[in-house]
């Protein structure tokens, strides 16, 4: 029982988990930003293509 209580009180891995969650959140934000930028760039190229092919 003493070992189990000591295990529950041990917080040595908590910092690593917190950093992992922060990194995952940043990665999701980057992915969302890149996806939105890609959609915007695609719209620009579509507009340019339409203007170049229309007489």
N, C-alpha and C. Protein backbone atom coordinates (compact mmCIF):
# COMPACT_ATOMS: atom_id res chain seq x y z
N UNK A 1 0.82 -1.19 0.00
CA UNK A 1 0.00 0.00 0.00
C UNK A 1 0.86 1.26 0.00
N UNK A 2 1.98 1.21 0.70
CA UNK A 2 2.89 2.35 0.74
C UNK A 2 3.43 2.66 -0.66
N UNK A 3 3.73 1.64 -1.42
CA UNK A 3 4.25 1.82 -2.77
C UNK A 3 3.21 2.48 -3.67
N UNK A 4 1.95 2.08 -3.52
CA UNK A 4 0.88 2.66 -4.33
C UNK A 4 0.68 4.14 -4.00
N UNK A 5 0.70 4.50 -2.72
CA UNK A 5 0.57 5.91 -2.32
C UNK A 5 1.74 6.73 -2.85
N UNK A 6 2.93 6.15 -2.80
CA UNK A 6 4.11 6.85 -3.31
C UNK A 6 4.00 7.04 -4.82
N UNK A 7 3.47 6.04 -5.51
CA UNK A 7 3.28 6.14 -6.96
C UNK A 7 2.30 7.26 -7.30
N UNK A 8 1.21 7.37 -6.55
CA UNK A 8 0.22 8.42 -6.81
C UNK A 8 0.77 9.81 -6.51
N UNK A 9 1.68 9.91 -5.55
CA UNK A 9 2.25 11.21 -5.19
C UNK A 9 3.39 11.63 -6.10
N UNK A 10 3.93 10.69 -6.87
CA UNK A 10 5.08 10.99 -7.74
C UNK A 10 4.62 11.83 -8.93
N UNK A 11 5.24 12.99 -9.12
CA UNK A 11 4.88 13.89 -10.21
C UNK A 11 6.03 14.09 -11.19
N UNK A 12 6.98 13.20 -11.21
CA UNK A 12 8.17 13.39 -12.06
C UNK A 12 7.84 13.33 -13.55
N UNK A 13 6.84 12.58 -13.94
CA UNK A 13 6.49 12.48 -15.35
C UNK A 13 5.46 13.51 -15.80
N UNK A 14 4.91 14.26 -14.85
CA UNK A 14 3.86 15.22 -15.19
C UNK A 14 4.37 16.31 -16.12
N UNK A 15 5.58 16.78 -15.90
CA UNK A 15 6.13 17.85 -16.74
C UNK A 15 6.29 17.39 -18.18
N UNK A 16 6.77 16.18 -18.37
CA UNK A 16 6.95 15.65 -19.72
C UNK A 16 5.60 15.53 -20.43
N UNK A 17 4.59 15.10 -19.71
CA UNK A 17 3.26 14.98 -20.30
C UNK A 17 2.71 16.36 -20.66
N UNK A 18 2.93 17.33 -19.79
CA UNK A 18 2.47 18.69 -20.08
C UNK A 18 3.15 19.25 -21.32
N UNK A 19 4.45 19.05 -21.44
CA UNK A 19 5.15 19.52 -22.63
C UNK A 19 4.64 18.80 -23.88
N UNK A 20 4.33 17.53 -23.76
CA UNK A 20 3.79 16.79 -24.89
C UNK A 20 2.44 17.33 -25.33
N UNK A 21 1.59 17.66 -24.36
CA UNK A 21 0.28 18.24 -24.70
C UNK A 21 0.42 19.62 -25.33
N UNK A 22 1.35 20.42 -24.84
CA UNK A 22 1.59 21.73 -25.43
C UNK A 22 2.08 21.58 -26.87
N UNK A 23 3.01 20.66 -27.09
CA UNK A 23 3.53 20.43 -28.44
C UNK A 23 2.43 19.95 -29.38
N UNK A 24 1.54 19.09 -28.88
CA UNK A 24 0.43 18.61 -29.71
C UNK A 24 -0.51 19.75 -30.07
N UNK A 25 -0.77 20.64 -29.13
CA UNK A 25 -1.63 21.79 -29.40
C UNK A 25 -1.02 22.72 -30.44
N UNK A 26 0.28 22.96 -30.32
CA UNK A 26 0.96 23.81 -31.30
C UNK A 26 0.94 23.16 -32.67
N UNK A 27 1.14 21.85 -32.72
CA UNK A 27 1.12 21.14 -34.01
C UNK A 27 -0.26 21.25 -34.66
N UNK A 28 -1.32 21.12 -33.87
CA UNK A 28 -2.67 21.25 -34.43
C UNK A 28 -2.92 22.65 -34.96
N UNK A 29 -2.43 23.66 -34.25
CA UNK A 29 -2.59 25.04 -34.71
C UNK A 29 -1.85 25.26 -36.03
N UNK A 30 -0.65 24.72 -36.14
CA UNK A 30 0.13 24.86 -37.38
C UNK A 30 -0.57 24.16 -38.54
N UNK A 31 -1.08 22.97 -38.28
CA UNK A 31 -1.78 22.22 -39.34
C UNK A 31 -3.01 22.99 -39.82
N UNK A 32 -3.77 23.56 -38.89
CA UNK A 32 -4.96 24.33 -39.28
C UNK A 32 -4.57 25.57 -40.08
N UNK A 33 -3.50 26.25 -39.68
CA UNK A 33 -3.06 27.45 -40.40
C UNK A 33 -2.59 27.11 -41.80
N UNK A 34 -1.84 26.03 -41.94
CA UNK A 34 -1.34 25.64 -43.26
C UNK A 34 -2.49 25.22 -44.17
N UNK A 35 -3.48 24.53 -43.60
CA UNK A 35 -4.63 24.12 -44.40
C UNK A 35 -5.40 25.34 -44.90
N UNK A 36 -5.61 26.31 -44.03
CA UNK A 36 -6.31 27.53 -44.46
C UNK A 36 -5.51 28.31 -45.49
N UNK A 37 -4.21 28.39 -45.32
CA UNK A 37 -3.37 29.09 -46.29
C UNK A 37 -3.40 28.37 -47.63
N UNK A 38 -3.40 27.05 -47.60
CA UNK A 38 -3.46 26.27 -48.84
C UNK A 38 -4.75 26.51 -49.60
N UNK A 39 -5.84 26.61 -48.87
CA UNK A 39 -7.13 26.89 -49.50
C UNK A 39 -7.12 28.28 -50.14
N UNK A 40 -6.55 29.25 -49.46
CA UNK A 40 -6.49 30.61 -50.01
C UNK A 40 -5.61 30.66 -51.25
N UNK A 41 -4.48 29.99 -51.22
CA UNK A 41 -3.58 29.98 -52.38
C UNK A 41 -4.24 29.27 -53.56
N UNK A 42 -4.96 28.22 -53.28
CA UNK A 42 -5.67 27.50 -54.34
C UNK A 42 -6.70 28.41 -55.01
N UNK A 43 -7.39 29.21 -54.20
CA UNK A 43 -8.36 30.16 -54.76
C UNK A 43 -7.70 31.20 -55.65
N UNK A 44 -6.53 31.67 -55.27
CA UNK A 44 -5.80 32.65 -56.07
C UNK A 44 -5.40 32.04 -57.41
N UNK A 45 -4.86 30.82 -57.38
CA UNK A 45 -4.44 30.18 -58.63
C UNK A 45 -5.64 29.88 -59.52
N UNK A 46 -6.77 29.52 -58.95
CA UNK A 46 -7.97 29.29 -59.75
C UNK A 46 -8.42 30.58 -60.42
N UNK A 47 -8.37 31.68 -59.68
CA UNK A 47 -8.74 32.98 -60.25
C UNK A 47 -7.81 33.39 -61.38
N UNK A 48 -6.52 33.20 -61.18
CA UNK A 48 -5.54 33.54 -62.22
C UNK A 48 -5.75 32.66 -63.44
N UNK A 49 -6.00 31.39 -63.24
CA UNK A 49 -6.22 30.47 -64.34
C UNK A 49 -7.46 30.88 -65.14
N UNK A 50 -8.51 31.26 -64.45
CA UNK A 50 -9.73 31.69 -65.13
C UNK A 50 -9.49 32.94 -65.96
N UNK A 51 -8.76 33.89 -65.40
CA UNK A 51 -8.49 35.14 -66.12
C UNK A 51 -7.57 34.92 -67.32
N UNK A 52 -6.67 33.96 -67.23
CA UNK A 52 -5.77 33.69 -68.35
C UNK A 52 -6.45 32.93 -69.48
N UNK A 53 -7.41 32.09 -69.15
CA UNK A 53 -8.05 31.28 -70.19
C UNK A 53 -9.28 31.95 -70.78
N UNK A 54 -9.82 32.96 -70.12
CA UNK A 54 -11.00 33.66 -70.65
C UNK A 54 -10.54 34.75 -71.61
N UNK A 55 -11.10 34.75 -72.84
CA UNK A 55 -10.67 35.76 -73.82
C UNK A 55 -11.13 37.16 -73.48
